[in-house]
Amino acid sequence: MSDHEAHYGGKMSGRAKLIFVGFAIVAGYYLFTEHTAHVLNALPFLLFLSCPVMHLFMHHGHKHGGGTPSSKSQRTGDAGVQ
């Protein structure tokens, strides 16, 4: 590999990573301090928005296919029904 390919490769060098992380920290600090009021005003709406979003993602594993019940549920019967 030539020096040109090593210098302009796809990966960042250690110095470039350090500069990027420093810039991201400074930018994050200024975004947080300048827009805290906007974020705090949006928190109640984000709470209500999180309910339907969690509902969609939490029901992902519930096998609502309507297929035959598993053999385990057939052996134990309906424990909840009286």
C-alpha atoms as a PDB file:
ATOM      1  CA  MET A   1       0.000   0.000   0.000  1.00  0.00           C
ATOM      2  CA  SER A   2       1.418   3.358  -0.905  1.00  0.00           C
ATOM      3  CA  ASP A   3       1.661   6.330   1.418  1.00  0.00           C
ATOM      4  CA  HIS A   4      -1.053   8.094  -0.591  1.00  0.00           C
ATOM      5  CA  GLU A   5      -3.554   5.241  -0.008  1.00  0.00           C
ATOM      6  CA  ALA A   6      -2.727   5.065   3.711  1.00  0.00           C
ATOM      7  CA  HIS A   7      -3.162   8.816   4.161  1.00  0.00           C
ATOM      8  CA  TYR A   8      -6.469   9.078   2.317  1.00  0.00           C
ATOM      9  CA  GLY A   9      -7.964   5.776   3.478  1.00  0.00           C
ATOM     10  CA  GLY A  10     -11.538   5.377   4.671  1.00  0.00           C
ATOM     11  CA  LYS A  11     -10.687   5.215   8.364  1.00  0.00           C
ATOM     12  CA  MET A  12      -9.942   8.261  10.476  1.00  0.00           C
ATOM     13  CA  SER A  13      -6.622   8.597  12.195  1.00  0.00           C
ATOM     14  CA  GLY A  14      -6.385   8.970  15.967  1.00  0.00           C
ATOM     15  CA  ARG A  15      -5.890  12.726  15.698  1.00  0.00           C
ATOM     16  CA  ALA A  16      -8.945  13.145  13.439  1.00  0.00           C
ATOM     17  CA  LYS A  17     -11.075  11.119  15.860  1.00  0.00           C
ATOM     18  CA  LEU A  18      -9.930  13.281  18.757  1.00  0.00           C
ATOM     19  CA  ILE A  19     -10.786  16.471  16.865  1.00  0.00           C
ATOM     20  CA  PHE A  20     -14.190  15.096  15.868  1.00  0.00           C
ATOM     21  CA  VAL A  21     -15.031  14.019  19.435  1.00  0.00           C
ATOM     22  CA  GLY A  22     -13.953  17.419  20.766  1.00  0.00           C
ATOM     23  CA  PHE A  23     -16.117  19.208  18.203  1.00  0.00           C
ATOM     24  CA  ALA A  24     -19.081  16.942  19.001  1.00  0.00           C
ATOM     25  CA  ILE A  25     -18.750  17.650  22.730  1.00  0.00           C
ATOM     26  CA  VAL A  26     -18.608  21.419  22.197  1.00  0.00           C
ATOM     27  CA  ALA A  27     -21.539  21.328  19.745  1.00  0.00           C
ATOM     28  CA  GLY A  28     -23.572  19.147  22.124  1.00  0.00           C
ATOM     29  CA  TYR A  29     -22.893  21.508  25.003  1.00  0.00           C
ATOM     30  CA  TYR A  30     -24.053  24.549  23.046  1.00  0.00           C
ATOM     31  CA  LEU A  31     -27.120  22.744  21.725  1.00  0.00           C
ATOM     32  CA  PHE A  32     -28.056  21.692  25.248  1.00  0.00           C
ATOM     33  CA  THR A  33     -27.525  25.090  26.835  1.00  0.00           C
ATOM     34  CA  GLU A  34     -29.213  27.119  24.091  1.00  0.00           C
ATOM     35  CA  HIS A  35     -32.192  24.820  23.548  1.00  0.00           C
ATOM     36  CA  THR A  36     -32.932  23.545  27.060  1.00  0.00           C
ATOM     37  CA  ALA A  37     -36.216  25.455  27.214  1.00  0.00           C
ATOM     38  CA  HIS A  38     -37.398  23.906  23.959  1.00  0.00           C
ATOM     39  CA  VAL A  39     -36.496  20.405  25.085  1.00  0.00           C
ATOM     40  CA  LEU A  40     -38.167  20.823  28.470  1.00  0.00           C
ATOM     41  CA  ASN A  41     -41.339  22.144  26.817  1.00  0.00           C
ATOM     42  CA  ALA A  42     -41.454  19.098  24.537  1.00  0.00           C
ATOM     43  CA  LEU A  43     -41.037  16.489  27.310  1.00  0.00           C
ATOM     44  CA  PRO A  44     -44.783  16.016  28.058  1.00  0.00           C
ATOM     45  CA  PHE A  45     -45.495  15.488  24.366  1.00  0.00           C
ATOM     46  CA  LEU A  46     -42.603  13.060  24.059  1.00  0.00           C
ATOM     47  CA  LEU A  47     -43.992  11.093  26.995  1.00  0.00           C
ATOM     48  CA  PHE A  48     -47.373  10.708  25.306  1.00  0.00           C
ATOM     49  CA  LEU A  49     -45.704   9.892  21.984  1.00  0.00           C
ATOM     50  CA  SER A  50     -43.640   7.168  23.628  1.00  0.00           C
ATOM     51  CA  CYS A  51     -46.777   5.224  24.626  1.00  0.00           C
ATOM     52  CA  PRO A  52     -47.941   4.268  21.101  1.00  0.00           C
ATOM     53  CA  VAL A  53     -44.363   3.784  19.931  1.00  0.00           C
ATOM     54  CA  MET A  54     -43.644   1.363  22.781  1.00  0.00           C
ATOM     55  CA  HIS A  55     -46.937  -0.380  22.072  1.00  0.00           C
ATOM     56  CA  LEU A  56     -45.902  -1.001  18.479  1.00  0.00           C
ATOM     57  CA  PHE A  57     -42.463  -2.317  19.374  1.00  0.00           C
ATOM     58  CA  MET A  58     -43.478  -4.317  22.447  1.00  0.00           C
ATOM     59  CA  HIS A  59     -46.126  -6.323  20.582  1.00  0.00           C
ATOM     60  CA  HIS A  60     -43.621  -7.385  17.947  1.00  0.00           C
ATOM     61  CA  GLY A  61     -42.893 -10.732  19.587  1.00  0.00           C
ATOM     62  CA  HIS A  62     -46.496 -11.715  20.356  1.00  0.00           C
ATOM     63  CA  LYS A  63     -47.229 -14.229  17.530  1.00  0.00           C
ATOM     64  CA  HIS A  64     -50.726 -13.002  16.637  1.00  0.00           C
ATOM     65  CA  GLY A  65     -50.871 -15.394  13.680  1.00  0.00           C
ATOM     66  CA  GLY A  66     -54.023 -17.214  14.758  1.00  0.00           C
ATOM     67  CA  GLY A  67     -52.367 -20.601  14.331  1.00  0.00           C
ATOM     68  CA  THR A  68     -52.860 -23.678  16.478  1.00  0.00           C
ATOM     69  CA  PRO A  69     -51.990 -23.330  20.148  1.00  0.00           C
ATOM     70  CA  SER A  70     -48.700 -24.783  21.292  1.00  0.00           C
ATOM     71  CA  SER A  71     -48.599 -28.254  22.795  1.00  0.00           C
ATOM     72  CA  LYS A  72     -47.574 -26.834  26.187  1.00  0.00           C
ATOM     73  CA  SER A  73     -50.729 -24.723  26.461  1.00  0.00           C
ATOM     74  CA  GLN A  74     -52.849 -27.756  25.468  1.00  0.00           C
ATOM     75  CA  ARG A  75     -51.330 -29.874  28.255  1.00  0.00           C
ATOM     76  CA  THR A  76     -51.708 -27.286  30.991  1.00  0.00           C
ATOM     77  CA  GLY A  77     -55.135 -26.073  29.934  1.00  0.00           C
ATOM     78  CA  ASP A  78     -56.453 -22.598  30.639  1.00  0.00           C
ATOM     79  CA  ALA A  79     -55.209 -21.854  34.124  1.00  0.00           C
ATOM     80  CA  GLY A  80     -56.695 -18.361  34.127  1.00  0.00           C
ATOM     81  CA  VAL A  81     -60.274 -19.433  33.277  1.00  0.00           C
ATOM     82  CA  GLN A  82     -62.484 -20.428  36.220  1.00  0.00           C
END
